[in-house]
C-alpha cells in the first residue's frame, strides 16, 4: 500500500501544479479580453487570492503523504471529500484517495510514522 500512498501524494502535487497552470491561463485570457486594465487586474488578484489556499493545500497534502506525516492523511481525506464534486478528475482523485487513506495498512503506516 505504500506505493498507493506515494501515488496519491504525487497526484495531489500534480493536481496543485495543474491548478496553478490553469489559473495562469485564466488570468492571461482575462487580461487579453478585458479592455479596462484596472478591472482585469482586480479580477485577477481576486481569483488568485481565492484559489491560492486550495493550491497550497493540494501541494502540502502531497508532500506530507510522500513523507508519511499523520496530518497529511487527515488533510488528504478532507481534500478528497471536497474534490468529489469536481467531476470527473476531482471525483476520480477523491475516490482513489479515500480508498487508499481508509485502508487498514495505510492507517497503521501513518500511525507508525508519527
PDB file of N, CA and C in Angstrom:
ATOM      1  N   UNK A   1       0.818  -1.212   0.000  1.00  0.00           N
ATOM      2  CA  UNK A   1       0.000   0.000   0.000  1.00  0.00           C
ATOM      3  C   UNK A   1       0.853   1.264   0.000  1.00  0.00           C
ATOM      4  N   UNK A   2       2.116   1.128   0.351  1.00  0.00           N
ATOM      5  CA  UNK A   2       2.990   2.297   0.344  1.00  0.00           C
ATOM      6  C   UNK A   2       3.085   2.892  -1.065  1.00  0.00           C
ATOM      7  N   UNK A   3       3.049   2.048  -2.074  1.00  0.00           N
ATOM      8  CA  UNK A   3       3.088   2.525  -3.450  1.00  0.00           C
ATOM      9  C   UNK A   3       1.859   3.373  -3.760  1.00  0.00           C
ATOM     10  N   UNK A   4       0.705   2.962  -3.255  1.00  0.00           N
ATOM     11  CA  UNK A   4      -0.518   3.736  -3.468  1.00  0.00           C
ATOM     12  C   UNK A   4      -0.449   5.083  -2.744  1.00  0.00           C
ATOM     13  N   UNK A   5       0.119   5.085  -1.546  1.00  0.00           N
ATOM     14  CA  UNK A   5       0.252   6.340  -0.795  1.00  0.00           C
ATOM     15  C   UNK A   5       1.149   7.314  -1.567  1.00  0.00           C
ATOM     16  N   UNK A   6       2.253   6.805  -2.104  1.00  0.00           N
ATOM     17  CA  UNK A   6       3.138   7.666  -2.886  1.00  0.00           C
ATOM     18  C   UNK A   6       2.451   8.150  -4.159  1.00  0.00           C
ATOM     19  N   UNK A   7       1.675   7.277  -4.789  1.00  0.00           N
ATOM     20  CA  UNK A   7       0.944   7.674  -5.995  1.00  0.00           C
ATOM     21  C   UNK A   7      -0.056   8.780  -5.678  1.00  0.00           C
ATOM     22  N   UNK A   8      -0.768   8.639  -4.570  1.00  0.00           N
ATOM     23  CA  UNK A   8      -1.729   9.671  -4.164  1.00  0.00           C
ATOM     24  C   UNK A   8      -1.003  10.975  -3.853  1.00  0.00           C
ATOM     25  N   UNK A   9       0.132  10.886  -3.190  1.00  0.00           N
ATOM     26  CA  UNK A   9       0.914  12.093  -2.891  1.00  0.00           C
ATOM     27  C   UNK A   9       1.327  12.824  -4.153  1.00  0.00           C
ATOM     28  N   UNK A  10       1.851  12.090  -5.121  1.00  0.00           N
ATOM     29  CA  UNK A  10       2.263  12.722  -6.382  1.00  0.00           C
ATOM     30  C   UNK A  10       1.055  13.252  -7.159  1.00  0.00           C
ATOM     31  N   UNK A  11      -0.081  12.559  -7.085  1.00  0.00           N
ATOM     32  CA  UNK A  11      -1.276  13.045  -7.775  1.00  0.00           C
ATOM     33  C   UNK A  11      -1.779  14.353  -7.176  1.00  0.00           C
ATOM     34  N   UNK A  12      -1.683  14.500  -5.844  1.00  0.00           N
ATOM     35  CA  UNK A  12      -2.100  15.762  -5.229  1.00  0.00           C
ATOM     36  C   UNK A  12      -1.147  16.896  -5.602  1.00  0.00           C
ATOM     37  N   UNK A  13       0.146  16.605  -5.651  1.00  0.00           N
ATOM     38  CA  UNK A  13       1.102  17.630  -6.078  1.00  0.00           C
ATOM     39  C   UNK A  13       0.837  18.018  -7.527  1.00  0.00           C
ATOM     40  N   UNK A  14       0.627  17.027  -8.383  1.00  0.00           N
ATOM     41  CA  UNK A  14       0.324  17.294  -9.793  1.00  0.00           C
ATOM     42  C   UNK A  14      -0.970  18.085  -9.934  1.00  0.00           C
ATOM     43  N   UNK A  15      -1.971  17.752  -9.133  1.00  0.00           N
ATOM     44  CA  UNK A  15      -3.232  18.489  -9.153  1.00  0.00           C
ATOM     45  C   UNK A  15      -3.011  19.954  -8.780  1.00  0.00           C
ATOM     46  N   UNK A  16      -2.180  20.197  -7.784  1.00  0.00           N
ATOM     47  CA  UNK A  16      -1.872  21.571  -7.397  1.00  0.00           C
ATOM     48  C   UNK A  16      -1.143  22.332  -8.484  1.00  0.00           C
ATOM     49  N   UNK A  17      -0.156  21.677  -9.112  1.00  0.00           N
ATOM     50  CA  UNK A  17       0.595  22.336 -10.188  1.00  0.00           C
ATOM     51  C   UNK A  17      -0.279  22.605 -11.406  1.00  0.00           C
ATOM     52  N   UNK A  18      -1.154  21.665 -11.738  1.00  0.00           N
ATOM     53  CA  UNK A  18      -2.076  21.890 -12.855  1.00  0.00           C
ATOM     54  C   UNK A  18      -3.063  23.008 -12.537  1.00  0.00           C
ATOM     55  N   UNK A  19      -3.473  23.115 -11.289  1.00  0.00           N
ATOM     56  CA  UNK A  19      -4.363  24.205 -10.881  1.00  0.00           C
ATOM     57  C   UNK A  19      -3.680  25.555 -11.047  1.00  0.00           C
ATOM     58  N   UNK A  20      -2.390  25.629 -10.697  1.00  0.00           N
ATOM     59  CA  UNK A  20      -1.629  26.867 -10.892  1.00  0.00           C
ATOM     60  C   UNK A  20      -1.538  27.198 -12.379  1.00  0.00           C
ATOM     61  N   UNK A  21      -1.244  26.188 -13.190  1.00  0.00           N
ATOM     62  CA  UNK A  21      -1.144  26.383 -14.633  1.00  0.00           C
ATOM     63  C   UNK A  21      -2.465  26.884 -15.215  1.00  0.00           C
ATOM     64  N   UNK A  22      -3.572  26.296 -14.801  1.00  0.00           N
ATOM     65  CA  UNK A  22      -4.889  26.723 -15.292  1.00  0.00           C
ATOM     66  C   UNK A  22      -5.218  28.137 -14.815  1.00  0.00           C
ATOM     67  N   UNK A  23      -4.821  28.475 -13.602  1.00  0.00           N
ATOM     68  CA  UNK A  23      -5.061  29.829 -13.104  1.00  0.00           C
ATOM     69  C   UNK A  23      -4.280  30.850 -13.915  1.00  0.00           C
ATOM     70  N   UNK A  24      -3.039  30.522 -14.268  1.00  0.00           N
ATOM     71  CA  UNK A  24      -2.235  31.440 -15.080  1.00  0.00           C
ATOM     72  C   UNK A  24      -2.878  31.637 -16.449  1.00  0.00           C
ATOM     73  N   UNK A  25      -3.346  30.543 -17.053  1.00  0.00           N
ATOM     74  CA  UNK A  25      -4.016  30.651 -18.350  1.00  0.00           C
ATOM     75  C   UNK A  25      -5.275  31.519 -18.227  1.00  0.00           C
ATOM     76  N   UNK A  26      -6.043  31.304 -17.157  1.00  0.00           N
ATOM     77  CA  UNK A  26      -7.245  32.105 -16.942  1.00  0.00           C
ATOM     78  C   UNK A  26      -6.944  33.584 -16.767  1.00  0.00           C
ATOM     79  N   UNK A  27      -5.900  33.908 -16.036  1.00  0.00           N
ATOM     80  CA  UNK A  27      -5.523  35.309 -15.827  1.00  0.00           C
ATOM     81  C   UNK A  27      -5.076  35.935 -17.143  1.00  0.00           C
ATOM     82  N   UNK A  28      -4.305  35.209 -17.924  1.00  0.00           N
ATOM     83  CA  UNK A  28      -3.852  35.732 -19.217  1.00  0.00           C
ATOM     84  C   UNK A  28      -5.040  35.980 -20.139  1.00  0.00           C
ATOM     85  N   UNK A  29      -5.956  35.029 -20.215  1.00  0.00           N
ATOM     86  CA  UNK A  29      -7.131  35.203 -21.076  1.00  0.00           C
ATOM     87  C   UNK A  29      -7.982  36.370 -20.588  1.00  0.00           C
ATOM     88  N   UNK A  30      -8.156  36.489 -19.291  1.00  0.00           N
ATOM     89  CA  UNK A  30      -8.924  37.599 -18.738  1.00  0.00           C
ATOM     90  C   UNK A  30      -8.283  38.930 -19.080  1.00  0.00           C
ATOM     91  N   UNK A  31      -6.989  39.017 -18.941  1.00  0.00           N
ATOM     92  CA  UNK A  31      -6.294  40.274 -19.242  1.00  0.00           C
ATOM     93  C   UNK A  31      -6.317  40.598 -20.730  1.00  0.00           C
ATOM     94  N   UNK A  32      -6.377  39.586 -21.583  1.00  0.00           N
ATOM     95  CA  UNK A  32      -6.432  39.830 -23.023  1.00  0.00           C
ATOM     96  C   UNK A  32      -7.822  40.223 -23.498  1.00  0.00           C
ATOM     97  N   UNK A  33      -8.860  39.749 -22.821  1.00  0.00           N
ATOM     98  CA  UNK A  33     -10.225  40.000 -23.286  1.00  0.00           C
ATOM     99  C   UNK A  33     -10.871  41.230 -22.673  1.00  0.00           C
ATOM    100  N   UNK A  34     -10.398  41.695 -21.540  1.00  0.00           N
ATOM    101  CA  UNK A  34     -10.996  42.860 -20.893  1.00  0.00           C
ATOM    102  C   UNK A  34     -10.220  44.107 -21.301  1.00  0.00           C
ATOM    103  N   UNK A  35     -10.965  45.112 -21.798  1.00  0.00           N
ATOM    104  CA  UNK A  35     -10.314  46.342 -22.251  1.00  0.00           C
ATOM    105  C   UNK A  35      -9.865  47.227 -21.096  1.00  0.00           C
ATOM    106  N   UNK A  36     -10.636  47.250 -20.029  1.00  0.00           N
ATOM    107  CA  UNK A  36     -10.307  48.091 -18.881  1.00  0.00           C
ATOM    108  C   UNK A  36      -9.253  47.382 -18.038  1.00  0.00           C
ATOM    109  N   UNK A  37      -8.034  47.880 -18.038  1.00  0.00           N
ATOM    110  CA  UNK A  37      -6.920  47.241 -17.332  1.00  0.00           C
ATOM    111  C   UNK A  37      -7.124  47.135 -15.841  1.00  0.00           C
ATOM    112  N   UNK A  38      -7.759  48.125 -15.224  1.00  0.00           N
ATOM    113  CA  UNK A  38      -7.968  48.100 -13.780  1.00  0.00           C
ATOM    114  C   UNK A  38      -8.901  46.985 -13.350  1.00  0.00           C
ATOM    115  N   UNK A  39      -9.951  46.768 -14.131  1.00  0.00           N
ATOM    116  CA  UNK A  39     -10.902  45.707 -13.806  1.00  0.00           C
ATOM    117  C   UNK A  39     -10.246  44.341 -13.931  1.00  0.00           C
ATOM    118  N   UNK A  40      -9.443  44.154 -14.975  1.00  0.00           N
ATOM    119  CA  UNK A  40      -8.779  42.872 -15.192  1.00  0.00           C
ATOM    120  C   UNK A  40      -7.793  42.566 -14.069  1.00  0.00           C
ATOM    121  N   UNK A  41      -7.052  43.570 -13.640  1.00  0.00           N
ATOM    122  CA  UNK A  41      -6.086  43.363 -12.556  1.00  0.00           C
ATOM    123  C   UNK A  41      -6.813  43.030 -11.260  1.00  0.00           C
ATOM    124  N   UNK A  42      -7.914  43.726 -10.990  1.00  0.00           N
ATOM    125  CA  UNK A  42      -8.686  43.462  -9.782  1.00  0.00           C
ATOM    126  C   UNK A  42      -9.275  42.052  -9.804  1.00  0.00           C
ATOM    127  N   UNK A  43      -9.823  41.656 -10.928  1.00  0.00           N
ATOM    128  CA  UNK A  43     -10.399  40.311 -11.052  1.00  0.00           C
ATOM    129  C   UNK A  43      -9.310  39.251 -10.946  1.00  0.00           C
ATOM    130  N   UNK A  44      -8.161  39.502 -11.550  1.00  0.00           N
ATOM    131  CA  UNK A  44      -7.052  38.542 -11.482  1.00  0.00           C
ATOM    132  C   UNK A  44      -6.566  38.377 -10.049  1.00  0.00           C
ATOM    133  N   UNK A  45      -6.430  39.480  -9.343  1.00  0.00           N
ATOM    134  CA  UNK A  45      -5.987  39.425  -7.955  1.00  0.00           C
ATOM    135  C   UNK A  45      -6.997  38.674  -7.092  1.00  0.00           C
ATOM    136  N   UNK A  46      -8.268  38.925  -7.312  1.00  0.00           N
ATOM    137  CA  UNK A  46      -9.309  38.220  -6.565  1.00  0.00           C
ATOM    138  C   UNK A  46      -9.295  36.728  -6.830  1.00  0.00           C
ATOM    139  N   UNK A  47      -9.112  36.359  -8.085  1.00  0.00           N
ATOM    140  CA  UNK A  47      -9.080  34.933  -8.440  1.00  0.00           C
ATOM    141  C   UNK A  47      -7.883  34.239  -7.799  1.00  0.00           C
ATOM    142  N   UNK A  48      -6.738  34.891  -7.835  1.00  0.00           N
ATOM    143  CA  UNK A  48      -5.533  34.298  -7.239  1.00  0.00           C
ATOM    144  C   UNK A  48      -5.711  34.140  -5.728  1.00  0.00           C
ATOM    145  N   UNK A  49      -6.243  35.159  -5.075  1.00  0.00           N
ATOM    146  CA  UNK A  49      -6.452  35.080  -3.625  1.00  0.00           C
ATOM    147  C   UNK A  49      -7.477  34.010  -3.261  1.00  0.00           C
ATOM    148  N   UNK A  50      -8.444  33.770  -4.145  1.00  0.00           N
ATOM    149  CA  UNK A  50      -9.480  32.772  -3.881  1.00  0.00           C
ATOM    150  C   UNK A  50      -8.948  31.351  -4.036  1.00  0.00           C
ATOM    151  N   UNK A  51      -8.143  31.101  -5.065  1.00  0.00           N
ATOM    152  CA  UNK A  51      -7.688  29.748  -5.370  1.00  0.00           C
ATOM    153  C   UNK A  51      -6.356  29.375  -4.728  1.00  0.00           C
ATOM    154  N   UNK A  52      -5.549  30.326  -4.316  1.00  0.00           N
ATOM    155  CA  UNK A  52      -4.228  30.040  -3.778  1.00  0.00           C
ATOM    156  C   UNK A  52      -4.236  29.146  -2.534  1.00  0.00           C
ATOM    157  N   UNK A  53      -5.116  29.359  -1.563  1.00  0.00           N
ATOM    158  CA  UNK A  53      -5.099  28.455  -0.400  1.00  0.00           C
ATOM    159  C   UNK A  53      -5.367  26.993  -0.772  1.00  0.00           C
ATOM    160  N   UNK A  54      -6.253  26.763  -1.728  1.00  0.00           N
ATOM    161  CA  UNK A  54      -6.525  25.404  -2.169  1.00  0.00           C
ATOM    162  C   UNK A  54      -5.329  24.762  -2.829  1.00  0.00           C
ATOM    163  N   UNK A  55      -4.659  25.530  -3.664  1.00  0.00           N
ATOM    164  CA  UNK A  55      -3.475  25.019  -4.355  1.00  0.00           C
ATOM    165  C   UNK A  55      -2.376  24.685  -3.344  1.00  0.00           C
ATOM    166  N   UNK A  56      -2.192  25.541  -2.375  1.00  0.00           N
ATOM    167  CA  UNK A  56      -1.194  25.286  -1.333  1.00  0.00           C
ATOM    168  C   UNK A  56      -1.564  24.022  -0.553  1.00  0.00           C
ATOM    169  N   UNK A  57      -2.856  23.851  -0.259  1.00  0.00           N
ATOM    170  CA  UNK A  57      -3.296  22.654   0.469  1.00  0.00           C
ATOM    171  C   UNK A  57      -3.050  21.391  -0.344  1.00  0.00           C
ATOM    172  N   UNK A  58      -3.293  21.436  -1.669  1.00  0.00           N
ATOM    173  CA  UNK A  58      -3.034  20.278  -2.528  1.00  0.00           C
ATOM    174  C   UNK A  58      -1.557  19.876  -2.455  1.00  0.00           C
ATOM    175  N   UNK A  59      -0.698  20.839  -2.655  1.00  0.00           N
ATOM    176  CA  UNK A  59       0.737  20.556  -2.688  1.00  0.00           C
ATOM    177  C   UNK A  59       1.234  20.120  -1.305  1.00  0.00           C
ATOM    178  N   UNK A  60       0.734  20.759  -0.260  1.00  0.00           N
ATOM    179  CA  UNK A  60       1.113  20.398   1.106  1.00  0.00           C
ATOM    180  C   UNK A  60       0.666  18.977   1.443  1.00  0.00           C
ATOM    181  N   UNK A  61      -0.536  18.607   1.039  1.00  0.00           N
ATOM    182  CA  UNK A  61      -1.022  17.244   1.285  1.00  0.00           C
ATOM    183  C   UNK A  61      -0.147  16.230   0.559  1.00  0.00           C
ATOM    184  N   UNK A  62       0.185  16.519  -0.687  1.00  0.00           N
ATOM    185  CA  UNK A  62       1.040  15.605  -1.439  1.00  0.00           C
ATOM    186  C   UNK A  62       2.407  15.443  -0.803  1.00  0.00           C
ATOM    187  N   UNK A  63       3.002  16.548  -0.394  1.00  0.00           N
ATOM    188  CA  UNK A  63       4.309  16.498   0.266  1.00  0.00           C
ATOM    189  C   UNK A  63       4.238  15.693   1.558  1.00  0.00           C
ATOM    190  N   UNK A  64       3.206  15.948   2.356  1.00  0.00           N
ATOM    191  CA  UNK A  64       3.066  15.230   3.621  1.00  0.00           C
ATOM    192  C   UNK A  64       2.828  13.745   3.428  1.00  0.00           C
ATOM    193  N   UNK A  65       2.064  13.379   2.404  1.00  0.00           N
ATOM    194  CA  UNK A  65       1.830  11.960   2.143  1.00  0.00           C
ATOM    195  C   UNK A  65       3.115  11.261   1.707  1.00  0.00           C
ATOM    196  N   UNK A  66       3.911  11.930   0.910  1.00  0.00           N
ATOM    197  CA  UNK A  66       5.172  11.329   0.476  1.00  0.00           C
ATOM    198  C   UNK A  66       6.117  11.088   1.654  1.00  0.00           C
ATOM    199  N   UNK A  67       5.980  11.902   2.711  1.00  0.00           N
ATOM    200  CA  UNK A  67       6.839  11.773   3.890  1.00  0.00           C
ATOM    201  C   UNK A  67       6.141  11.103   5.066  1.00  0.00           C
ATOM    202  N   UNK A  68       4.971  10.517   4.817  1.00  0.00           N
ATOM    203  CA  UNK A  68       4.205   9.771   5.826  1.00  0.00           C
ATOM    204  C   UNK A  68       3.907  10.593   7.083  1.00  0.00           C
ATOM    205  N   UNK A  69       3.494  11.818   6.908  1.00  0.00           N
ATOM    206  CA  UNK A  69       3.098  12.663   8.038  1.00  0.00           C
ATOM    207  C   UNK A  69       1.643  12.376   8.383  1.00  0.00           C
ATOM    208  N   UNK A  70       1.341  12.224   9.667  1.00  0.00           N
ATOM    209  CA  UNK A  70      -0.023  11.856  10.069  1.00  0.00           C
ATOM    210  C   UNK A  70      -1.038  12.948   9.733  1.00  0.00           C
ATOM    211  N   UNK A  71      -0.639  14.214   9.817  1.00  0.00           N
ATOM    212  CA  UNK A  71      -1.550  15.310   9.478  1.00  0.00           C
ATOM    213  C   UNK A  71      -1.897  15.305   7.996  1.00  0.00           C
ATOM    214  N   UNK A  72      -1.011  14.792   7.164  1.00  0.00           N
ATOM    215  CA  UNK A  72      -1.259  14.783   5.720  1.00  0.00           C
ATOM    216  C   UNK A  72      -2.371  13.809   5.370  1.00  0.00           C
ATOM    217  N   UNK A  73      -2.472  12.726   6.099  1.00  0.00           N
ATOM    218  CA  UNK A  73      -3.556  11.770   5.852  1.00  0.00           C
ATOM    219  C   UNK A  73      -4.898  12.431   6.107  1.00  0.00           C
ATOM    220  N   UNK A  74      -5.007  13.167   7.190  1.00  0.00           N
ATOM    221  CA  UNK A  74      -6.254  13.867   7.514  1.00  0.00           C
ATOM    222  C   UNK A  74      -6.550  14.937   6.473  1.00  0.00           C
ATOM    223  N   UNK A  75      -5.536  15.707   6.094  1.00  0.00           N
ATOM    224  CA  UNK A  75      -5.717  16.743   5.078  1.00  0.00           C
ATOM    225  C   UNK A  75      -6.135  16.137   3.743  1.00  0.00           C
ATOM    226  N   UNK A  76      -5.528  15.022   3.367  1.00  0.00           N
ATOM    227  CA  UNK A  76      -5.879  14.364   2.105  1.00  0.00           C
ATOM    228  C   UNK A  76      -7.318  13.869   2.123  1.00  0.00           C
ATOM    229  N   UNK A  77      -7.773  13.365   3.252  1.00  0.00           N
ATOM    230  CA  UNK A  77      -9.160  12.910   3.363  1.00  0.00           C
ATOM    231  C   UNK A  77     -10.120  14.086   3.199  1.00  0.00           C
ATOM    232  N   UNK A  78      -9.820  15.200   3.846  1.00  0.00           N
ATOM    233  CA  UNK A  78     -10.668  16.394   3.731  1.00  0.00           C
ATOM    234  C   UNK A  78     -10.688  16.888   2.291  1.00  0.00           C
ATOM    235  N   UNK A  79      -9.514  16.999   1.664  1.00  0.00           N
ATOM    236  CA  UNK A  79      -9.452  17.456   0.280  1.00  0.00           C
ATOM    237  C   UNK A  79     -10.160  16.492  -0.669  1.00  0.00           C
ATOM    238  N   UNK A  80     -10.037  15.198  -0.404  1.00  0.00           N
ATOM    239  CA  UNK A  80     -10.699  14.207  -1.247  1.00  0.00           C
ATOM    240  C   UNK A  80     -12.213  14.370  -1.197  1.00  0.00           C
ATOM    241  N   UNK A  81     -12.749  14.578  -0.004  1.00  0.00           N
ATOM    242  CA  UNK A  81     -14.197  14.764   0.140  1.00  0.00           C
ATOM    243  C   UNK A  81     -14.641  16.030  -0.586  1.00  0.00           C
ATOM    244  N   UNK A  82     -13.877  17.107  -0.437  1.00  0.00           N
ATOM    245  CA  UNK A  82     -14.231  18.359  -1.114  1.00  0.00           C
ATOM    246  C   UNK A  82     -14.116  18.249  -2.634  1.00  0.00           C
ATOM    247  N   UNK A  83     -13.211  17.413  -3.122  1.00  0.00           N
ATOM    248  CA  UNK A  83     -12.995  17.276  -4.560  1.00  0.00           C
ATOM    249  C   UNK A  83     -13.973  16.324  -5.232  1.00  0.00           C
ATOM    250  N   UNK A  84     -14.786  15.621  -4.471  1.00  0.00           N
ATOM    251  CA  UNK A  84     -15.734  14.680  -5.073  1.00  0.00           C
ATOM    252  C   UNK A  84     -16.711  15.371  -6.024  1.00  0.00           C
ATOM    253  N   UNK A  85     -17.009  16.641  -5.800  1.00  0.00           N
ATOM    254  CA  UNK A  85     -17.958  17.349  -6.671  1.00  0.00           C
ATOM    255  C   UNK A  85     -17.313  17.871  -7.949  1.00  0.00           C
ATOM    256  N   UNK A  86     -15.988  17.815  -8.039  1.00  0.00           N
ATOM    257  CA  UNK A  86     -15.274  18.342  -9.213  1.00  0.00           C
ATOM    258  C   UNK A  86     -15.129  17.242 -10.260  1.00  0.00           C
ATOM    259  N   UNK A  87     -16.249  16.933 -10.919  1.00  0.00           N
ATOM    260  CA  UNK A  87     -16.292  15.847 -11.900  1.00  0.00           C
ATOM    261  C   UNK A  87     -15.533  16.231 -13.157  1.00  0.00           C
ATOM    262  N   UNK A  88     -14.782  15.382 -13.781  1.00  0.00           N
ATOM    263  CA  UNK A  88     -14.507  13.982 -13.497  1.00  0.00           C
ATOM    264  C   UNK A  88     -13.183  13.767 -12.766  1.00  0.00           C
ATOM    265  N   UNK A  89     -12.211  14.667 -12.931  1.00  0.00           N
ATOM    266  CA  UNK A  89     -10.877  14.425 -12.377  1.00  0.00           C
ATOM    267  C   UNK A  89     -10.890  14.499 -10.854  1.00  0.00           C
ATOM    268  N   UNK A  90     -11.535  15.501 -10.301  1.00  0.00           N
ATOM    269  CA  UNK A  90     -11.605  15.627  -8.845  1.00  0.00           C
ATOM    270  C   UNK A  90     -12.338  14.457  -8.207  1.00  0.00           C
ATOM    271  N   UNK A  91     -13.378  13.975  -8.880  1.00  0.00           N
ATOM    272  CA  UNK A  91     -14.117  12.820  -8.367  1.00  0.00           C
ATOM    273  C   UNK A  91     -13.231  11.576  -8.348  1.00  0.00           C
ATOM    274  N   UNK A  92     -12.522  11.348  -9.436  1.00  0.00           N
ATOM    275  CA  UNK A  92     -11.638  10.174  -9.510  1.00  0.00           C
ATOM    276  C   UNK A  92     -10.527  10.259  -8.470  1.00  0.00           C
ATOM    277  N   UNK A  93      -9.909  11.426  -8.344  1.00  0.00           N
ATOM    278  CA  UNK A  93      -8.844  11.598  -7.362  1.00  0.00           C
ATOM    279  C   UNK A  93      -9.387  11.455  -5.941  1.00  0.00           C
ATOM    280  N   UNK A  94     -10.575  11.991  -5.708  1.00  0.00           N
ATOM    281  CA  UNK A  94     -11.181  11.885  -4.383  1.00  0.00           C
ATOM    282  C   UNK A  94     -11.499  10.454  -3.998  1.00  0.00           C
ATOM    283  N   UNK A  95     -12.077   9.701  -4.931  1.00  0.00           N
ATOM    284  CA  UNK A  95     -12.412   8.306  -4.651  1.00  0.00           C
ATOM    285  C   UNK A  95     -11.144   7.488  -4.413  1.00  0.00           C
ATOM    286  N   UNK A  96     -10.144   7.677  -5.258  1.00  0.00           N
ATOM    287  CA  UNK A  96      -8.886   6.933  -5.096  1.00  0.00           C
ATOM    288  C   UNK A  96      -8.215   7.284  -3.772  1.00  0.00           C
ATOM    289  N   UNK A  97      -8.204   8.569  -3.425  1.00  0.00           N
ATOM    290  CA  UNK A  97      -7.596   8.996  -2.160  1.00  0.00           C
ATOM    291  C   UNK A  97      -8.320   8.388  -0.973  1.00  0.00           C
ATOM    292  N   UNK A  98      -9.646   8.420  -0.998  1.00  0.00           N
ATOM    293  CA  UNK A  98     -10.406   7.849   0.122  1.00  0.00           C
ATOM    294  C   UNK A  98     -10.185   6.347   0.221  1.00  0.00           C
ATOM    295  N   UNK A  99     -10.133   5.661  -0.922  1.00  0.00           N
ATOM    296  CA  UNK A  99      -9.892   4.219  -0.911  1.00  0.00           C
ATOM    297  C   UNK A  99      -8.544   3.901  -0.274  1.00  0.00           C
ATOM    298  N   UNK A 100      -7.532   4.684  -0.619  1.00  0.00           N
ATOM    299  CA  UNK A 100      -6.186   4.442  -0.081  1.00  0.00           C
ATOM    300  C   UNK A 100      -6.110   4.838   1.390  1.00  0.00           C
ATOM    301  N   UNK A 101      -6.620   6.009   1.744  1.00  0.00           N
ATOM    302  CA  UNK A 101      -6.446   6.528   3.101  1.00  0.00           C
ATOM    303  C   UNK A 101      -7.221   5.745   4.158  1.00  0.00           C
ATOM    304  N   UNK A 102      -8.330   5.095   3.762  1.00  0.00           N
ATOM    305  CA  UNK A 102      -9.103   4.332   4.737  1.00  0.00           C
ATOM    306  C   UNK A 102      -8.722   2.856   4.770  1.00  0.00           C
ATOM    307  N   UNK A 103      -7.646   2.503   4.113  1.00  0.00           N
ATOM    308  CA  UNK A 103      -7.140   1.136   4.164  1.00  0.00           C
ATOM    309  C   UNK A 103      -6.454   0.912   5.514  1.00  0.00           C
ATOM    310  N   UNK A 104      -6.649  -0.258   6.091  1.00  0.00           N
ATOM    311  CA  UNK A 104      -6.076  -0.553   7.414  1.00  0.00           C
ATOM    312  C   UNK A 104      -4.547  -0.494   7.415  1.00  0.00           C
ATOM    313  N   UNK A 105      -3.919  -0.975   6.351  1.00  0.00           N
ATOM    314  CA  UNK A 105      -2.451  -0.934   6.264  1.00  0.00           C
ATOM    315  C   UNK A 105      -1.942   0.505   6.249  1.00  0.00           C
ATOM    316  N   UNK A 106      -2.667   1.380   5.557  1.00  0.00           N
ATOM    317  CA  UNK A 106      -2.245   2.782   5.471  1.00  0.00           C
ATOM    318  C   UNK A 106      -2.418   3.465   6.818  1.00  0.00           C
ATOM    319  N   UNK A 107      -3.510   3.175   7.508  1.00  0.00           N
ATOM    320  CA  UNK A 107      -3.703   3.739   8.843  1.00  0.00           C
ATOM    321  C   UNK A 107      -2.554   3.330   9.766  1.00  0.00           C
ATOM    322  N   UNK A 108      -2.161   2.066   9.707  1.00  0.00           N
ATOM    323  CA  UNK A 108      -1.039   1.581  10.529  1.00  0.00           C
ATOM    324  C   UNK A 108       0.270   2.235  10.098  1.00  0.00           C
ATOM    325  N   UNK A 109       0.443   2.440   8.804  1.00  0.00           N
ATOM    326  CA  UNK A 109       1.659   3.064   8.277  1.00  0.00           C
ATOM    327  C   UNK A 109       1.817   4.491   8.800  1.00  0.00           C
ATOM    328  N   UNK A 110       0.709   5.251   8.832  1.00  0.00           N
ATOM    329  CA  UNK A 110       0.785   6.626   9.299  1.00  0.00           C
ATOM    330  C   UNK A 110       0.869   6.697  10.820  1.00  0.00           C
ATOM    331  N   UNK A 111       0.293   5.754  11.525  1.00  0.00           N
ATOM    332  CA  UNK A 111       0.432   5.728  12.986  1.00  0.00           C
ATOM    333  C   UNK A 111       1.860   5.410  13.373  1.00  0.00           C
ATOM    334  N   UNK A 112       2.507   4.529  12.622  1.00  0.00           N
ATOM    335  CA  UNK A 112       3.898   4.180  12.893  1.00  0.00           C
ATOM    336  C   UNK A 112       4.833   5.342  12.556  1.00  0.00           C
ATOM    337  N   UNK A 113       4.467   6.142  11.548  1.00  0.00           N
ATOM    338  CA  UNK A 113       5.309   7.262  11.114  1.00  0.00           C
ATOM    339  C   UNK A 113       5.259   8.430  12.068  1.00  0.00           C
ATOM    340  N   UNK A 114       4.177   8.544  12.859  1.00  0.00           N
ATOM    341  CA  UNK A 114       4.072   9.687  13.775  1.00  0.00           C
ATOM    342  C   UNK A 114       4.529   9.315  15.141  1.00  0.00           C
TER     343      UNK A 114
END
